[in-house]
Structure formats: structure tokens, C-alpha cells
Protein backbone atom coordinates (compact mmCIF):
# COMPACT_ATOMS: atom_id res chain seq x y z
CA MET A 1 38.39 68.49 20.37
CA ARG A 2 34.72 69.21 21.73
CA PHE A 3 35.27 72.97 22.62
CA SER A 4 36.55 73.34 19.06
CA LEU A 5 33.44 71.75 17.53
CA TRP A 6 31.43 73.87 19.85
CA ARG A 7 33.13 77.20 18.92
CA SER A 8 32.67 76.76 14.91
CA SER A 9 29.50 78.53 13.46
CA ASP A 10 29.79 75.75 10.47
CA PRO A 11 26.45 74.37 10.12
CA LYS A 12 27.70 70.91 9.31
CA SER A 13 29.91 70.62 12.53
CA ARG A 14 27.02 72.05 14.50
CA ARG A 15 24.71 69.15 13.24
CA LYS A 16 27.41 66.78 14.19
CA LEU A 17 27.56 68.15 17.54
CA THR A 18 23.93 67.58 18.11
CA MET A 19 23.99 64.18 16.81
CA LEU A 20 26.97 63.61 19.21
CA LYS A 21 24.78 64.89 22.18
CA GLN A 22 21.68 62.83 21.24
CA LEU A 23 23.98 59.79 20.97
CA ILE A 24 25.64 60.48 24.53
CA ALA A 25 21.91 61.05 25.81
CA ILE A 26 20.61 57.73 24.56
CA SER A 27 23.76 55.70 25.63
CA ASP A 28 23.15 57.35 29.05
CA VAL A 29 19.70 56.44 29.12
CA VAL A 30 20.53 52.76 28.15
CA THR A 31 23.30 52.64 30.53
CA PHE A 32 20.90 53.88 33.54
CA ALA A 33 18.06 51.26 32.32
CA LEU A 34 20.64 48.51 32.15
CA ALA A 35 22.16 49.28 35.59
CA ALA A 36 18.47 49.40 37.06
CA ILE A 37 17.45 45.87 35.57
CA ASN A 38 20.79 44.52 37.08
CA VAL A 39 20.10 45.98 40.46
CA ASN A 40 16.51 44.72 40.21
CA PHE A 41 17.51 41.45 39.13
CA SER A 42 20.17 40.75 41.70
CA LEU A 43 17.75 42.00 44.52
CA TYR A 44 15.17 39.48 43.14
CA VAL A 45 18.03 36.68 43.21
CA ALA A 46 18.91 37.44 46.66
CA TYR A 47 15.18 37.63 47.82
CA SER A 48 14.66 34.18 46.20
CA ILE A 49 17.55 32.63 48.00
CA SER A 50 16.58 33.82 51.29
CA PHE A 51 13.15 32.80 50.66
CA ILE A 52 14.32 29.40 49.67
CA LYS A 53 16.36 29.03 52.93
């Protein structure tokens, strides 16, 4: 599916492809940010628990 979009020289499908790529990039960034926050939060919780003990 992606390759057929890539090959076509139709400007509309090309615009769709760039939008798709941007969406994928944005979702990658969001996923990465959420994962980083998650890791930091769990580290913070673990540190707090060990500190309380």
C-alpha cells in the first residue's frame, strides 16, 4: 500500500504521503516523550520508596 502511494506521481497522493509521514513522526515523538516520562516517574517512585525505608 505504501509503495504504491510512493510510486505514483499524482500530487494529491504525494501530499497525502507527506501528511502521513508527518503524522507518523509526530506519533513517534509523542510515544517517545510518554515513555521517557513513564521511566522518570517509575524511577522517582522507586527512589521515594527506598528513601522512605
